[in-house]
Amino acid sequence: MTTVSSIVTEAQPAADAGEVLPNQERLMSLDVFRGATIASMLLVNDPGTWSAVYPPLLPAPCTAGRSRTLIFPFFLWIVGVSMALSTESRVSRGPYSAASCFTLAGAPSSSSLRVFAVAFLQLS
C-alpha cells in the first residue's frame, strides 16, 4: 500500500513563512491538475465574446450537465487532497498532542477566515 509519505518527501520547516526550500518535492500531477482546473475556470467564466460561445461552455439547463459543471467539484477535490498532504507533512515534522491539535487546525482555519474577510470587504 502506498502512503502519502512515500509519494511526497517530507518538507523541512522554512526560516521564513514564504520561503520555499529547494529540496522540497511537490506532487507534480496535482500541480498540473490544479493549473488545468484554474485555466478551465477562467475559460468558462469569461469565454471571450458571449455572442459566439462554444456550446459546452454555456451554463447547463437544470436537468443537464455540461463540462463546466465538473470544474468546481474538481477544484474541491484538489483542495481536499492538498489539505491532506499538508496536514500529513505538518504531523510528520513534529509531535502533536491533543492540545496542539488546535495548532494543527489553526493554519487552514486562519486562511479560510482571511479569504472570507477579503471577500466580505470586497462586497461592502
PDB file of N, CA and C in Angstrom:
ATOM      1  N   MET A   1       0.844  -1.179   0.000  1.00  0.00           N
ATOM      2  CA  MET A   1       0.000   0.000   0.000  1.00  0.00           C
ATOM      3  C   MET A   1       0.890   1.242   0.000  1.00  0.00           C
ATOM      4  N   THR A   2       0.594   2.173  -0.875  1.00  0.00           N
ATOM      5  CA  THR A   2       1.368   3.390  -0.990  1.00  0.00           C
ATOM      6  C   THR A   2       0.795   4.444  -0.057  1.00  0.00           C
ATOM      7  N   THR A   3       1.665   5.057   0.722  1.00  0.00           N
ATOM      8  CA  THR A   3       1.218   6.138   1.600  1.00  0.00           C
ATOM      9  C   THR A   3       1.612   7.464   0.987  1.00  0.00           C
ATOM     10  N   VAL A   4       1.012   8.506   1.504  1.00  0.00           N
ATOM     11  CA  VAL A   4       1.329   9.838   1.004  1.00  0.00           C
ATOM     12  C   VAL A   4       2.790  10.165   1.274  1.00  0.00           C
ATOM     13  N   SER A   5       3.332   9.660   2.374  1.00  0.00           N
ATOM     14  CA  SER A   5       4.728   9.931   2.709  1.00  0.00           C
ATOM     15  C   SER A   5       5.678   9.360   1.675  1.00  0.00           C
ATOM     16  N   SER A   6       5.310   8.235   1.060  1.00  0.00           N
ATOM     17  CA  SER A   6       6.194   7.654   0.066  1.00  0.00           C
ATOM     18  C   SER A   6       6.081   8.368  -1.272  1.00  0.00           C
ATOM     19  N   ILE A   7       4.983   9.110  -1.487  1.00  0.00           N
ATOM     20  CA  ILE A   7       4.812   9.841  -2.738  1.00  0.00           C
ATOM     21  C   ILE A   7       5.490  11.197  -2.662  1.00  0.00           C
ATOM     22  N   VAL A   8       5.295  11.896  -1.577  1.00  0.00           N
ATOM     23  CA  VAL A   8       5.838  13.236  -1.398  1.00  0.00           C
ATOM     24  C   VAL A   8       6.829  13.187  -0.253  1.00  0.00           C
ATOM     25  N   THR A   9       8.024  13.702  -0.472  1.00  0.00           N
ATOM     26  CA  THR A   9       9.020  13.687   0.590  1.00  0.00           C
ATOM     27  C   THR A   9       8.652  14.700   1.656  1.00  0.00           C
ATOM     28  N   GLU A  10       9.166  14.474   2.825  1.00  0.00           N
ATOM     29  CA  GLU A  10       8.864  15.373   3.929  1.00  0.00           C
ATOM     30  C   GLU A  10       9.503  16.736   3.697  1.00  0.00           C
ATOM     31  N   ALA A  11       8.769  17.773   4.029  1.00  0.00           N
ATOM     32  CA  ALA A  11       9.280  19.127   3.881  1.00  0.00           C
ATOM     33  C   ALA A  11       9.957  19.551   5.170  1.00  0.00           C
ATOM     34  N   GLN A  12      11.061  20.272   5.028  1.00  0.00           N
ATOM     35  CA  GLN A  12      11.730  20.805   6.197  1.00  0.00           C
ATOM     36  C   GLN A  12      11.134  22.170   6.504  1.00  0.00           C
ATOM     37  N   PRO A  13      11.047  22.537   7.773  1.00  0.00           N
ATOM     38  CA  PRO A  13      10.483  23.845   8.093  1.00  0.00           C
ATOM     39  C   PRO A  13      11.347  24.964   7.527  1.00  0.00           C
ATOM     40  N   ALA A  14      10.712  25.972   6.989  1.00  0.00           N
ATOM     41  CA  ALA A  14      11.422  27.105   6.400  1.00  0.00           C
ATOM     42  C   ALA A  14      11.687  28.160   7.470  1.00  0.00           C
ATOM     43  N   ALA A  15      12.732  28.965   7.234  1.00  0.00           N
ATOM     44  CA  ALA A  15      13.055  30.032   8.167  1.00  0.00           C
ATOM     45  C   ALA A  15      11.971  31.109   8.108  1.00  0.00           C
ATOM     46  N   ASP A  16      11.560  31.495   6.889  1.00  0.00           N
ATOM     47  CA  ASP A  16      10.502  32.466   6.701  1.00  0.00           C
ATOM     48  C   ASP A  16       9.255  31.725   6.243  1.00  0.00           C
ATOM     49  N   ALA A  17       8.112  32.286   6.548  1.00  0.00           N
ATOM     50  CA  ALA A  17       6.858  31.614   6.193  1.00  0.00           C
ATOM     51  C   ALA A  17       6.697  31.468   4.685  1.00  0.00           C
ATOM     52  N   GLY A  18       7.182  32.439   3.904  1.00  0.00           N
ATOM     53  CA  GLY A  18       7.025  32.397   2.461  1.00  0.00           C
ATOM     54  C   GLY A  18       8.175  31.734   1.728  1.00  0.00           C
ATOM     55  N   GLU A  19       9.187  31.304   2.438  1.00  0.00           N
ATOM     56  CA  GLU A  19      10.377  30.742   1.798  1.00  0.00           C
ATOM     57  C   GLU A  19      10.108  29.317   1.328  1.00  0.00           C
ATOM     58  N   VAL A  20      10.456  29.028   0.073  1.00  0.00           N
ATOM     59  CA  VAL A  20      10.307  27.690  -0.476  1.00  0.00           C
ATOM     60  C   VAL A  20      11.688  27.047  -0.492  1.00  0.00           C
ATOM     61  N   LEU A  21      11.789  25.897   0.104  1.00  0.00           N
ATOM     62  CA  LEU A  21      13.067  25.213   0.179  1.00  0.00           C
ATOM     63  C   LEU A  21      13.360  24.487  -1.133  1.00  0.00           C
ATOM     64  N   PRO A  22      14.613  24.488  -1.586  1.00  0.00           N
ATOM     65  CA  PRO A  22      14.928  23.877  -2.871  1.00  0.00           C
ATOM     66  C   PRO A  22      14.775  22.355  -2.888  1.00  0.00           C
ATOM     67  N   ASN A  23      14.941  21.669  -1.751  1.00  0.00           N
ATOM     68  CA  ASN A  23      14.862  20.218  -1.748  1.00  0.00           C
ATOM     69  C   ASN A  23      13.453  19.705  -1.488  1.00  0.00           C
ATOM     70  N   GLN A  24      12.494  20.597  -1.416  1.00  0.00           N
ATOM     71  CA  GLN A  24      11.118  20.199  -1.169  1.00  0.00           C
ATOM     72  C   GLN A  24      10.489  19.746  -2.474  1.00  0.00           C
ATOM     73  N   GLU A  25       9.981  18.509  -2.496  1.00  0.00           N
ATOM     74  CA  GLU A  25       9.336  17.992  -3.684  1.00  0.00           C
ATOM     75  C   GLU A  25       7.846  18.247  -3.610  1.00  0.00           C
ATOM     76  N   ARG A  26       7.255  18.382  -4.784  1.00  0.00           N
ATOM     77  CA  ARG A  26       5.821  18.586  -4.873  1.00  0.00           C
ATOM     78  C   ARG A  26       5.229  17.458  -5.695  1.00  0.00           C
ATOM     79  N   LEU A  27       3.955  17.237  -5.533  1.00  0.00           N
ATOM     80  CA  LEU A  27       3.255  16.231  -6.303  1.00  0.00           C
ATOM     81  C   LEU A  27       2.894  16.866  -7.645  1.00  0.00           C
ATOM     82  N   MET A  28       3.683  16.559  -8.679  1.00  0.00           N
ATOM     83  CA  MET A  28       3.554  17.226  -9.977  1.00  0.00           C
ATOM     84  C   MET A  28       2.162  17.034 -10.591  1.00  0.00           C
ATOM     85  N   SER A  29       1.601  15.840 -10.474  1.00  0.00           N
ATOM     86  CA  SER A  29       0.284  15.600 -11.079  1.00  0.00           C
ATOM     87  C   SER A  29      -0.785  16.497 -10.449  1.00  0.00           C
ATOM     88  N   LEU A  30      -0.684  16.748  -9.163  1.00  0.00           N
ATOM     89  CA  LEU A  30      -1.644  17.633  -8.502  1.00  0.00           C
ATOM     90  C   LEU A  30      -1.470  19.066  -8.988  1.00  0.00           C
ATOM     91  N   ASP A  31      -0.230  19.501  -9.165  1.00  0.00           N
ATOM     92  CA  ASP A  31       0.017  20.855  -9.669  1.00  0.00           C
ATOM     93  C   ASP A  31      -0.505  21.025 -11.092  1.00  0.00           C
ATOM     94  N   VAL A  32      -0.318  20.011 -11.932  1.00  0.00           N
ATOM     95  CA  VAL A  32      -0.808  20.083 -13.314  1.00  0.00           C
ATOM     96  C   VAL A  32      -2.334  20.106 -13.324  1.00  0.00           C
ATOM     97  N   PHE A  33      -2.960  19.243 -12.522  1.00  0.00           N
ATOM     98  CA  PHE A  33      -4.414  19.203 -12.452  1.00  0.00           C
ATOM     99  C   PHE A  33      -4.966  20.518 -11.912  1.00  0.00           C
ATOM    100  N   ARG A  34      -4.293  21.101 -10.927  1.00  0.00           N
ATOM    101  CA  ARG A  34      -4.709  22.391 -10.368  1.00  0.00           C
ATOM    102  C   ARG A  34      -4.633  23.481 -11.438  1.00  0.00           C
ATOM    103  N   GLY A  35      -3.546  23.503 -12.195  1.00  0.00           N
ATOM    104  CA  GLY A  35      -3.398  24.505 -13.249  1.00  0.00           C
ATOM    105  C   GLY A  35      -4.443  24.358 -14.336  1.00  0.00           C
ATOM    106  N   ALA A  36      -4.717  23.113 -14.747  1.00  0.00           N
ATOM    107  CA  ALA A  36      -5.745  22.885 -15.779  1.00  0.00           C
ATOM    108  C   ALA A  36      -7.123  23.275 -15.272  1.00  0.00           C
ATOM    109  N   THR A  37      -7.403  23.015 -14.014  1.00  0.00           N
ATOM    110  CA  THR A  37      -8.708  23.369 -13.447  1.00  0.00           C
ATOM    111  C   THR A  37      -8.870  24.879 -13.364  1.00  0.00           C
ATOM    112  N   ILE A  38      -7.847  25.584 -12.958  1.00  0.00           N
ATOM    113  CA  ILE A  38      -7.938  27.048 -12.863  1.00  0.00           C
ATOM    114  C   ILE A  38      -8.048  27.662 -14.256  1.00  0.00           C
ATOM    115  N   ALA A  39      -7.312  27.119 -15.230  1.00  0.00           N
ATOM    116  CA  ALA A  39      -7.446  27.602 -16.610  1.00  0.00           C
ATOM    117  C   ALA A  39      -8.870  27.362 -17.120  1.00  0.00           C
ATOM    118  N   SER A  40      -9.444  26.218 -16.767  1.00  0.00           N
ATOM    119  CA  SER A  40     -10.826  25.925 -17.170  1.00  0.00           C
ATOM    120  C   SER A  40     -11.805  26.875 -16.493  1.00  0.00           C
ATOM    121  N   MET A  41     -11.553  27.204 -15.222  1.00  0.00           N
ATOM    122  CA  MET A  41     -12.413  28.161 -14.520  1.00  0.00           C
ATOM    123  C   MET A  41     -12.408  29.504 -15.239  1.00  0.00           C
ATOM    124  N   LEU A  42     -11.224  29.953 -15.631  1.00  0.00           N
ATOM    125  CA  LEU A  42     -11.125  31.227 -16.336  1.00  0.00           C
ATOM    126  C   LEU A  42     -11.847  31.170 -17.674  1.00  0.00           C
ATOM    127  N   LEU A  43     -11.732  30.059 -18.381  1.00  0.00           N
ATOM    128  CA  LEU A  43     -12.352  29.919 -19.694  1.00  0.00           C
ATOM    129  C   LEU A  43     -13.877  29.919 -19.607  1.00  0.00           C
ATOM    130  N   VAL A  44     -14.454  29.180 -18.666  1.00  0.00           N
ATOM    131  CA  VAL A  44     -15.918  29.122 -18.603  1.00  0.00           C
ATOM    132  C   VAL A  44     -16.520  30.390 -18.024  1.00  0.00           C
ATOM    133  N   ASN A  45     -15.772  31.127 -17.214  1.00  0.00           N
ATOM    134  CA  ASN A  45     -16.306  32.363 -16.647  1.00  0.00           C
ATOM    135  C   ASN A  45     -16.160  33.548 -17.586  1.00  0.00           C
ATOM    136  N   ASP A  46     -15.193  33.496 -18.509  1.00  0.00           N
ATOM    137  CA  ASP A  46     -15.006  34.566 -19.480  1.00  0.00           C
ATOM    138  C   ASP A  46     -14.523  33.957 -20.792  1.00  0.00           C
ATOM    139  N   PRO A  47     -15.453  33.463 -21.632  1.00  0.00           N
ATOM    140  CA  PRO A  47     -15.056  32.789 -22.861  1.00  0.00           C
ATOM    141  C   PRO A  47     -14.643  33.738 -23.977  1.00  0.00           C
ATOM    142  N   GLY A  48     -14.557  35.023 -23.719  1.00  0.00           N
ATOM    143  CA  GLY A  48     -14.182  35.990 -24.745  1.00  0.00           C
ATOM    144  C   GLY A  48     -15.384  36.830 -25.101  1.00  0.00           C
ATOM    145  N   THR A  49     -16.081  36.423 -26.125  1.00  0.00           N
ATOM    146  CA  THR A  49     -17.300  37.117 -26.516  1.00  0.00           C
ATOM    147  C   THR A  49     -18.500  36.212 -26.263  1.00  0.00           C
ATOM    148  N   TRP A  50     -19.513  36.740 -25.623  1.00  0.00           N
ATOM    149  CA  TRP A  50     -20.687  35.942 -25.284  1.00  0.00           C
ATOM    150  C   TRP A  50     -21.595  35.736 -26.491  1.00  0.00           C
ATOM    151  N   SER A  51     -21.336  36.435 -27.601  1.00  0.00           N
ATOM    152  CA  SER A  51     -22.174  36.246 -28.789  1.00  0.00           C
ATOM    153  C   SER A  51     -21.769  35.007 -29.580  1.00  0.00           C
ATOM    154  N   ALA A  52     -20.560  34.504 -29.378  1.00  0.00           N
ATOM    155  CA  ALA A  52     -20.100  33.314 -30.106  1.00  0.00           C
ATOM    156  C   ALA A  52     -19.389  32.382 -29.133  1.00  0.00           C
ATOM    157  N   VAL A  53     -20.162  31.731 -28.273  1.00  0.00           N
ATOM    158  CA  VAL A  53     -19.592  30.866 -27.242  1.00  0.00           C
ATOM    159  C   VAL A  53     -19.690  29.417 -27.694  1.00  0.00           C
ATOM    160  N   TYR A  54     -18.635  28.665 -27.448  1.00  0.00           N
ATOM    161  CA  TYR A  54     -18.649  27.228 -27.704  1.00  0.00           C
ATOM    162  C   TYR A  54     -19.721  26.615 -26.796  1.00  0.00           C
ATOM    163  N   PRO A  55     -20.705  25.875 -27.334  1.00  0.00           N
ATOM    164  CA  PRO A  55     -21.866  25.426 -26.552  1.00  0.00           C
ATOM    165  C   PRO A  55     -21.557  24.698 -25.237  1.00  0.00           C
ATOM    166  N   PRO A  56     -20.537  23.822 -25.143  1.00  0.00           N
ATOM    167  CA  PRO A  56     -20.296  23.196 -23.833  1.00  0.00           C
ATOM    168  C   PRO A  56     -19.870  24.171 -22.731  1.00  0.00           C
ATOM    169  N   LEU A  57     -19.486  25.391 -23.099  1.00  0.00           N
ATOM    170  CA  LEU A  57     -19.093  26.372 -22.086  1.00  0.00           C
ATOM    171  C   LEU A  57     -20.268  27.172 -21.553  1.00  0.00           C
ATOM    172  N   LEU A  58     -21.427  27.048 -22.186  1.00  0.00           N
ATOM    173  CA  LEU A  58     -22.615  27.750 -21.711  1.00  0.00           C
ATOM    174  C   LEU A  58     -23.155  27.088 -20.451  1.00  0.00           C
ATOM    175  N   PRO A  59     -23.857  27.839 -19.612  1.00  0.00           N
ATOM    176  CA  PRO A  59     -24.479  27.211 -18.438  1.00  0.00           C
ATOM    177  C   PRO A  59     -25.486  26.148 -18.868  1.00  0.00           C
ATOM    178  N   ALA A  60     -25.542  25.074 -18.111  1.00  0.00           N
ATOM    179  CA  ALA A  60     -26.431  23.963 -18.442  1.00  0.00           C
ATOM    180  C   ALA A  60     -27.843  24.237 -17.948  1.00  0.00           C
ATOM    181  N   PRO A  61     -28.841  23.685 -18.666  1.00  0.00           N
ATOM    182  CA  PRO A  61     -30.197  23.738 -18.102  1.00  0.00           C
ATOM    183  C   PRO A  61     -30.237  22.917 -16.812  1.00  0.00           C
ATOM    184  N   CYS A  62     -31.247  23.092 -16.031  1.00  0.00           N
ATOM    185  CA  CYS A  62     -31.309  22.444 -14.710  1.00  0.00           C
ATOM    186  C   CYS A  62     -31.217  20.928 -14.775  1.00  0.00           C
ATOM    187  N   THR A  63     -31.678  20.311 -15.850  1.00  0.00           N
ATOM    188  CA  THR A  63     -31.721  18.855 -15.911  1.00  0.00           C
ATOM    189  C   THR A  63     -30.508  18.240 -16.591  1.00  0.00           C
ATOM    190  N   ALA A  64     -29.630  19.050 -17.142  1.00  0.00           N
ATOM    191  CA  ALA A  64     -28.494  18.508 -17.890  1.00  0.00           C
ATOM    192  C   ALA A  64     -27.186  18.952 -17.256  1.00  0.00           C
ATOM    193  N   GLY A  65     -26.158  18.205 -17.534  1.00  0.00           N
ATOM    194  CA  GLY A  65     -24.832  18.567 -17.059  1.00  0.00           C
ATOM    195  C   GLY A  65     -23.913  18.839 -18.232  1.00  0.00           C
ATOM    196  N   ARG A  66     -23.033  19.739 -18.049  1.00  0.00           N
ATOM    197  CA  ARG A  66     -22.045  20.043 -19.083  1.00  0.00           C
ATOM    198  C   ARG A  66     -20.673  20.020 -18.441  1.00  0.00           C
ATOM    199  N   SER A  67     -19.662  20.209 -19.268  1.00  0.00           N
ATOM    200  CA  SER A  67     -18.291  20.149 -18.767  1.00  0.00           C
ATOM    201  C   SER A  67     -18.031  21.203 -17.690  1.00  0.00           C
ATOM    202  N   ARG A  68     -18.686  22.348 -17.787  1.00  0.00           N
ATOM    203  CA  ARG A  68     -18.432  23.396 -16.800  1.00  0.00           C
ATOM    204  C   ARG A  68     -18.976  23.028 -15.423  1.00  0.00           C
ATOM    205  N   THR A  69     -19.918  22.078 -15.351  1.00  0.00           N
ATOM    206  CA  THR A  69     -20.451  21.673 -14.050  1.00  0.00           C
ATOM    207  C   THR A  69     -19.474  20.802 -13.280  1.00  0.00           C
ATOM    208  N   LEU A  70     -18.437  20.276 -13.926  1.00  0.00           N
ATOM    209  CA  LEU A  70     -17.447  19.434 -13.253  1.00  0.00           C
ATOM    210  C   LEU A  70     -16.279  20.223 -12.682  1.00  0.00           C
ATOM    211  N   ILE A  71     -16.111  21.460 -13.109  1.00  0.00           N
ATOM    212  CA  ILE A  71     -14.911  22.210 -12.739  1.00  0.00           C
ATOM    213  C   ILE A  71     -14.859  22.494 -11.240  1.00  0.00           C
ATOM    214  N   PHE A  72     -15.959  22.933 -10.647  1.00  0.00           N
ATOM    215  CA  PHE A  72     -15.936  23.238  -9.219  1.00  0.00           C
ATOM    216  C   PHE A  72     -15.720  21.990  -8.365  1.00  0.00           C
ATOM    217  N   PRO A  73     -16.367  20.849  -8.646  1.00  0.00           N
ATOM    218  CA  PRO A  73     -16.046  19.637  -7.879  1.00  0.00           C
ATOM    219  C   PRO A  73     -14.586  19.211  -8.031  1.00  0.00           C
ATOM    220  N   PHE A  74     -14.007  19.384  -9.224  1.00  0.00           N
ATOM    221  CA  PHE A  74     -12.581  19.089  -9.405  1.00  0.00           C
ATOM    222  C   PHE A  74     -11.750  19.965  -8.483  1.00  0.00           C
ATOM    223  N   PHE A  75     -12.106  21.252  -8.416  1.00  0.00           N
ATOM    224  CA  PHE A  75     -11.354  22.172  -7.568  1.00  0.00           C
ATOM    225  C   PHE A  75     -11.481  21.786  -6.099  1.00  0.00           C
ATOM    226  N   LEU A  76     -12.678  21.403  -5.665  1.00  0.00           N
ATOM    227  CA  LEU A  76     -12.850  20.972  -4.273  1.00  0.00           C
ATOM    228  C   LEU A  76     -12.054  19.706  -3.980  1.00  0.00           C
ATOM    229  N   TRP A  77     -11.962  18.805  -4.939  1.00  0.00           N
ATOM    230  CA  TRP A  77     -11.159  17.591  -4.764  1.00  0.00           C
ATOM    231  C   TRP A  77      -9.684  17.972  -4.590  1.00  0.00           C
ATOM    232  N   ILE A  78      -9.208  18.914  -5.387  1.00  0.00           N
ATOM    233  CA  ILE A  78      -7.820  19.378  -5.287  1.00  0.00           C
ATOM    234  C   ILE A  78      -7.570  19.978  -3.902  1.00  0.00           C
ATOM    235  N   VAL A  79      -8.510  20.782  -3.411  1.00  0.00           N
ATOM    236  CA  VAL A  79      -8.368  21.387  -2.081  1.00  0.00           C
ATOM    237  C   VAL A  79      -8.275  20.303  -1.010  1.00  0.00           C
ATOM    238  N   GLY A  80      -9.123  19.287  -1.104  1.00  0.00           N
ATOM    239  CA  GLY A  80      -9.094  18.206  -0.123  1.00  0.00           C
ATOM    240  C   GLY A  80      -7.788  17.433  -0.132  1.00  0.00           C
ATOM    241  N   VAL A  81      -7.291  17.110  -1.309  1.00  0.00           N
ATOM    242  CA  VAL A  81      -6.013  16.384  -1.404  1.00  0.00           C
ATOM    243  C   VAL A  81      -4.875  17.249  -0.880  1.00  0.00           C
ATOM    244  N   SER A  82      -4.882  18.533  -1.225  1.00  0.00           N
ATOM    245  CA  SER A  82      -3.825  19.433  -0.756  1.00  0.00           C
ATOM    246  C   SER A  82      -3.837  19.562   0.762  1.00  0.00           C
ATOM    247  N   MET A  83      -5.028  19.633   1.345  1.00  0.00           N
ATOM    248  CA  MET A  83      -5.109  19.724   2.808  1.00  0.00           C
ATOM    249  C   MET A  83      -4.611  18.439   3.465  1.00  0.00           C
ATOM    250  N   ALA A  84      -4.929  17.298   2.866  1.00  0.00           N
ATOM    251  CA  ALA A  84      -4.447  16.029   3.425  1.00  0.00           C
ATOM    252  C   ALA A  84      -2.922  15.954   3.358  1.00  0.00           C
ATOM    253  N   LEU A  85      -2.351  16.389   2.235  1.00  0.00           N
ATOM    254  CA  LEU A  85      -0.888  16.363   2.097  1.00  0.00           C
ATOM    255  C   LEU A  85      -0.218  17.324   3.074  1.00  0.00           C
ATOM    256  N   SER A  86      -0.766  18.526   3.218  1.00  0.00           N
ATOM    257  CA  SER A  86      -0.130  19.496   4.113  1.00  0.00           C
ATOM    258  C   SER A  86      -0.278  19.082   5.570  1.00  0.00           C
ATOM    259  N   THR A  87      -1.418  18.491   5.924  1.00  0.00           N
ATOM    260  CA  THR A  87      -1.606  18.041   7.302  1.00  0.00           C
ATOM    261  C   THR A  87      -0.657  16.905   7.630  1.00  0.00           C
ATOM    262  N   GLU A  88      -0.506  15.962   6.711  1.00  0.00           N
ATOM    263  CA  GLU A  88       0.430  14.859   6.963  1.00  0.00           C
ATOM    264  C   GLU A  88       1.862  15.371   7.070  1.00  0.00           C
ATOM    265  N   SER A  89       2.199  16.366   6.255  1.00  0.00           N
ATOM    266  CA  SER A  89       3.539  16.942   6.315  1.00  0.00           C
ATOM    267  C   SER A  89       3.775  17.627   7.659  1.00  0.00           C
ATOM    268  N   ARG A  90       2.783  18.360   8.149  1.00  0.00           N
ATOM    269  CA  ARG A  90       2.923  19.040   9.449  1.00  0.00           C
ATOM    270  C   ARG A  90       3.033  18.044  10.589  1.00  0.00           C
ATOM    271  N   VAL A  91       2.251  16.970  10.527  1.00  0.00           N
ATOM    272  CA  VAL A  91       2.289  15.958  11.586  1.00  0.00           C
ATOM    273  C   VAL A  91       3.636  15.248  11.586  1.00  0.00           C
ATOM    274  N   SER A  92       4.191  14.996  10.405  1.00  0.00           N
ATOM    275  CA  SER A  92       5.467  14.276  10.335  1.00  0.00           C
ATOM    276  C   SER A  92       6.641  15.134  10.805  1.00  0.00           C
ATOM    277  N   ARG A  93       6.471  16.468  10.847  1.00  0.00           N
ATOM    278  CA  ARG A  93       7.555  17.343  11.292  1.00  0.00           C
ATOM    279  C   ARG A  93       7.738  17.375  12.794  1.00  0.00           C
ATOM    280  N   GLY A  94       6.713  17.047  13.539  1.00  0.00           N
ATOM    281  CA  GLY A  94       6.878  17.142  14.977  1.00  0.00           C
ATOM    282  C   GLY A  94       5.770  16.453  15.722  1.00  0.00           C
ATOM    283  N   PRO A  95       6.002  16.188  16.992  1.00  0.00           N
ATOM    284  CA  PRO A  95       4.971  15.520  17.787  1.00  0.00           C
ATOM    285  C   PRO A  95       3.815  16.474  18.082  1.00  0.00           C
ATOM    286  N   TYR A  96       2.618  15.948  17.960  1.00  0.00           N
ATOM    287  CA  TYR A  96       1.428  16.738  18.258  1.00  0.00           C
ATOM    288  C   TYR A  96       0.646  16.024  19.341  1.00  0.00           C
ATOM    289  N   SER A  97       0.315  16.755  20.375  1.00  0.00           N
ATOM    290  CA  SER A  97      -0.523  16.202  21.431  1.00  0.00           C
ATOM    291  C   SER A  97      -1.967  16.623  21.161  1.00  0.00           C
ATOM    292  N   ALA A  98      -2.849  16.198  22.015  1.00  0.00           N
ATOM    293  CA  ALA A  98      -4.258  16.559  21.847  1.00  0.00           C
ATOM    294  C   ALA A  98      -4.442  18.070  21.944  1.00  0.00           C
ATOM    295  N   ALA A  99      -3.663  18.721  22.807  1.00  0.00           N
ATOM    296  CA  ALA A  99      -3.785  20.171  22.969  1.00  0.00           C
ATOM    297  C   ALA A  99      -3.274  20.912  21.740  1.00  0.00           C
ATOM    298  N   SER A 100      -2.275  20.372  21.065  1.00  0.00           N
ATOM    299  CA  SER A 100      -1.723  21.079  19.920  1.00  0.00           C
ATOM    300  C   SER A 100      -2.452  20.753  18.623  1.00  0.00           C
ATOM    301  N   CYS A 101      -3.512  19.950  18.701  1.00  0.00           N
ATOM    302  CA  CYS A 101      -4.341  19.723  17.513  1.00  0.00           C
ATOM    303  C   CYS A 101      -4.987  21.026  17.066  1.00  0.00           C
ATOM    304  N   PHE A 102      -5.228  21.932  18.036  1.00  0.00           N
ATOM    305  CA  PHE A 102      -5.764  23.239  17.675  1.00  0.00           C
ATOM    306  C   PHE A 102      -4.736  24.009  16.849  1.00  0.00           C
ATOM    307  N   THR A 103      -3.462  23.836  17.148  1.00  0.00           N
ATOM    308  CA  THR A 103      -2.410  24.469  16.366  1.00  0.00           C
ATOM    309  C   THR A 103      -2.387  23.896  14.962  1.00  0.00           C
ATOM    310  N   LEU A 104      -2.573  22.600  14.846  1.00  0.00           N
ATOM    311  CA  LEU A 104      -2.569  21.936  13.544  1.00  0.00           C
ATOM    312  C   LEU A 104      -3.745  22.399  12.693  1.00  0.00           C
ATOM    313  N   ALA A 105      -4.896  22.590  13.294  1.00  0.00           N
ATOM    314  CA  ALA A 105      -6.075  23.039  12.558  1.00  0.00           C
ATOM    315  C   ALA A 105      -6.108  24.550  12.388  1.00  0.00           C
ATOM    316  N   GLY A 106      -5.222  25.242  13.073  1.00  0.00           N
ATOM    317  CA  GLY A 106      -5.226  26.699  13.022  1.00  0.00           C
ATOM    318  C   GLY A 106      -4.841  27.288  11.684  1.00  0.00           C
ATOM    319  N   ALA A 107      -3.904  26.665  10.973  1.00  0.00           N
ATOM    320  CA  ALA A 107      -3.446  27.221   9.691  1.00  0.00           C
ATOM    321  C   ALA A 107      -4.559  27.240   8.646  1.00  0.00           C
ATOM    322  N   PRO A 108      -5.242  26.123   8.387  1.00  0.00           N
ATOM    323  CA  PRO A 108      -6.323  26.206   7.404  1.00  0.00           C
ATOM    324  C   PRO A 108      -7.482  27.085   7.870  1.00  0.00           C
ATOM    325  N   SER A 109      -7.732  27.096   9.165  1.00  0.00           N
ATOM    326  CA  SER A 109      -8.823  27.927   9.682  1.00  0.00           C
ATOM    327  C   SER A 109      -8.517  29.404   9.516  1.00  0.00           C
ATOM    328  N   SER A 110      -7.292  29.806   9.823  1.00  0.00           N
ATOM    329  CA  SER A 110      -6.949  31.221   9.679  1.00  0.00           C
ATOM    330  C   SER A 110      -6.915  31.625   8.210  1.00  0.00           C
ATOM    331  N   SER A 111      -6.479  30.726   7.336  1.00  0.00           N
ATOM    332  CA  SER A 111      -6.505  31.029   5.900  1.00  0.00           C
ATOM    333  C   SER A 111      -7.942  31.217   5.428  1.00  0.00           C
ATOM    334  N   SER A 112      -8.839  30.354   5.883  1.00  0.00           N
ATOM    335  CA  SER A 112     -10.245  30.461   5.496  1.00  0.00           C
ATOM    336  C   SER A 112     -10.843  31.779   5.973  1.00  0.00           C
ATOM    337  N   LEU A 113     -10.526  32.157   7.197  1.00  0.00           N
ATOM    338  CA  LEU A 113     -11.049  33.417   7.724  1.00  0.00           C
ATOM    339  C   LEU A 113     -10.518  34.618   6.951  1.00  0.00           C
ATOM    340  N   ARG A 114      -9.240  34.570   6.558  1.00  0.00           N
ATOM    341  CA  ARG A 114      -8.685  35.676   5.778  1.00  0.00           C
ATOM    342  C   ARG A 114      -9.354  35.798   4.414  1.00  0.00           C
ATOM    343  N   VAL A 115      -9.579  34.667   3.738  1.00  0.00           N
ATOM    344  CA  VAL A 115     -10.252  34.694   2.436  1.00  0.00           C
ATOM    345  C   VAL A 115     -11.668  35.221   2.595  1.00  0.00           C
ATOM    346  N   PHE A 116     -12.380  34.775   3.632  1.00  0.00           N
ATOM    347  CA  PHE A 116     -13.734  35.254   3.888  1.00  0.00           C
ATOM    348  C   PHE A 116     -13.728  36.761   4.147  1.00  0.00           C
ATOM    349  N   ALA A 117     -12.763  37.245   4.918  1.00  0.00           N
ATOM    350  CA  ALA A 117     -12.695  38.679   5.231  1.00  0.00           C
ATOM    351  C   ALA A 117     -12.433  39.503   3.966  1.00  0.00           C
ATOM    352  N   VAL A 118     -11.536  39.039   3.115  1.00  0.00           N
ATOM    353  CA  VAL A 118     -11.256  39.774   1.870  1.00  0.00           C
ATOM    354  C   VAL A 118     -12.507  39.806   0.998  1.00  0.00           C
ATOM    355  N   ALA A 119     -13.190  38.656   0.859  1.00  0.00           N
ATOM    356  CA  ALA A 119     -14.416  38.619   0.065  1.00  0.00           C
ATOM    357  C   ALA A 119     -15.493  39.526   0.641  1.00  0.00           C
ATOM    358  N   PHE A 120     -15.626  39.531   1.968  1.00  0.00           N
ATOM    359  CA  PHE A 120     -16.619  40.365   2.619  1.00  0.00           C
ATOM    360  C   PHE A 120     -16.307  41.836   2.408  1.00  0.00           C
ATOM    361  N   LEU A 121     -15.034  42.227   2.500  1.00  0.00           N
ATOM    362  CA  LEU A 121     -14.639  43.626   2.300  1.00  0.00           C
ATOM    363  C   LEU A 121     -14.841  44.052   0.848  1.00  0.00           C
ATOM    364  N   GLN A 122     -14.677  43.127  -0.090  1.00  0.00           N
ATOM    365  CA  GLN A 122     -14.895  43.476  -1.496  1.00  0.00           C
ATOM    366  C   GLN A 122     -16.362  43.721  -1.779  1.00  0.00           C
ATOM    367  N   LEU A 123     -17.244  42.976  -1.118  1.00  0.00           N
ATOM    368  CA  LEU A 123     -18.671  43.132  -1.353  1.00  0.00           C
ATOM    369  C   LEU A 123     -19.236  44.372  -0.681  1.00  0.00           C
ATOM    370  N   SER A 124     -18.593  44.848   0.362  1.00  0.00           N
ATOM    371  CA  SER A 124     -19.141  46.018   1.057  1.00  0.00           C
ATOM    372  C   SER A 124     -18.635  47.321   0.476  1.00  0.00           C
TER     373      SER A 124
END
